[in-house]
């Protein structure tokens, strides 16, 4: 996956394709195109502008029905921002 070309749909497995894009999330405006968003920005303390309701709303609208957003953040304000735009938040256990 790391060697996949940018801005090109790359087949990883039979039913898994990846398209890497270098774009500011603030400029992202696609709707119902993705099954999964893996959000790995720096934490809310370092990049608070990426952990707001408006950013999560973009992610929510970018996902297909039953799409999944994955992030490592456990901060209460982040969880509340996700829930306020429609995400159902599930906490998973972290490392031991």
Protein backbone atom coordinates (compact mmCIF):
# COMPACT_ATOMS: atom_id res chain seq x y z
CA UNK A 1 0.00 0.00 0.00
CA UNK A 2 2.83 2.40 0.76
CA UNK A 3 4.16 2.03 -2.77
CA UNK A 4 0.79 2.65 -4.44
CA UNK A 5 0.75 5.59 -6.83
CA UNK A 6 -0.90 8.84 -5.72
CA UNK A 7 -4.29 9.76 -7.23
CA UNK A 8 -4.66 6.35 -8.85
CA UNK A 9 -7.03 3.54 -7.85
CA UNK A 10 -4.84 0.59 -6.87
CA UNK A 11 -6.08 -2.97 -6.35
CA UNK A 12 -4.75 -4.36 -3.09
CA UNK A 13 -6.93 -7.49 -2.87
CA UNK A 14 -9.91 -8.81 -4.87
CA UNK A 15 -12.39 -6.53 -3.12
CA UNK A 16 -10.07 -3.91 -1.67
CA UNK A 17 -8.91 -0.87 -3.62
CA UNK A 18 -6.91 2.09 -2.41
CA UNK A 19 -6.64 5.59 -3.76
CA UNK A 20 -4.10 7.76 -1.96
CA UNK A 21 -4.73 11.48 -2.17
CA UNK A 22 -2.79 14.47 -0.92
CA UNK A 23 -5.47 17.02 -0.13
CA UNK A 24 -6.28 19.27 2.80
CA UNK A 25 -9.31 17.85 4.56
CA UNK A 26 -10.79 21.32 4.77
CA UNK A 27 -10.96 21.24 0.94
CA UNK A 28 -12.48 17.76 0.73
CA UNK A 29 -16.08 17.68 -0.57
CA UNK A 30 -16.96 14.22 -1.85
CA UNK A 31 -20.12 12.44 -0.72
CA UNK A 32 -20.98 8.75 -0.23
CA UNK A 33 -17.88 7.40 -1.94
CA UNK A 34 -15.98 5.59 0.78
CA UNK A 35 -16.46 2.50 2.92
CA UNK A 36 -13.70 3.43 5.34
CA UNK A 37 -11.95 6.57 6.54
CA UNK A 38 -8.82 6.06 8.63
CA UNK A 39 -8.27 9.42 10.30
CA UNK A 40 -4.72 9.72 11.60
CA UNK A 41 -4.18 13.45 12.14
CA UNK A 42 -2.07 14.76 14.98
CA UNK A 43 -4.05 15.01 18.21
CA UNK A 44 -6.63 17.68 19.02
CA UNK A 45 -4.16 19.52 21.24
CA UNK A 46 -1.70 19.93 18.33
CA UNK A 47 -4.16 20.35 15.41
CA UNK A 48 -7.49 21.41 16.94
CA UNK A 49 -8.80 22.57 13.54
CA UNK A 50 -8.92 18.93 12.35
CA UNK A 51 -11.03 17.66 15.26
CA UNK A 52 -14.12 19.84 14.86
CA UNK A 53 -17.75 19.13 14.05
CA UNK A 54 -17.29 20.62 10.57
CA UNK A 55 -14.44 18.21 9.74
CA UNK A 56 -16.35 15.20 11.11
CA UNK A 57 -19.41 16.30 9.12
CA UNK A 58 -17.31 16.11 5.93
CA UNK A 59 -16.19 12.60 6.88
CA UNK A 60 -19.74 11.54 7.72
CA UNK A 61 -21.01 12.69 4.33
CA UNK A 62 -18.03 11.13 2.51
CA UNK A 63 -18.89 7.66 3.83
CA UNK A 64 -21.33 5.29 2.18
CA UNK A 65 -24.21 3.97 4.29
CA UNK A 66 -22.72 1.76 7.02
CA UNK A 67 -19.26 3.22 6.34
CA UNK A 68 -16.71 3.27 9.13
CA UNK A 69 -14.53 6.03 10.53
CA UNK A 70 -11.49 4.81 12.47
CA UNK A 71 -9.39 7.08 14.65
CA UNK A 72 -7.24 6.67 17.73
CA UNK A 73 -8.58 9.67 19.64
CA UNK A 74 -10.36 9.03 22.92
CA UNK A 75 -10.81 12.68 23.88
CA UNK A 76 -14.32 13.53 25.07
CA UNK A 77 -14.71 16.60 22.87
CA UNK A 78 -13.75 14.55 19.81
CA UNK A 79 -16.26 11.83 20.68
CA UNK A 80 -18.99 14.44 21.19
CA UNK A 81 -18.15 16.13 17.86
CA UNK A 82 -18.44 12.78 16.06
CA UNK A 83 -21.74 11.96 17.74
CA UNK A 84 -23.18 15.41 17.01
CA UNK A 85 -22.89 14.86 13.24
CA UNK A 86 -24.38 11.37 13.31
CA UNK A 87 -21.59 8.90 14.03
CA UNK A 88 -22.26 6.03 16.41
CA UNK A 89 -19.11 5.87 18.52
CA UNK A 90 -17.71 2.60 19.80
CA UNK A 91 -14.80 2.50 22.20
CA UNK A 92 -12.31 -0.28 21.65
CA UNK A 93 -9.70 -1.41 24.13
CA UNK A 94 -6.24 0.09 23.62
CA UNK A 95 -2.90 -1.58 24.09
CA UNK A 96 -2.29 -3.29 27.44
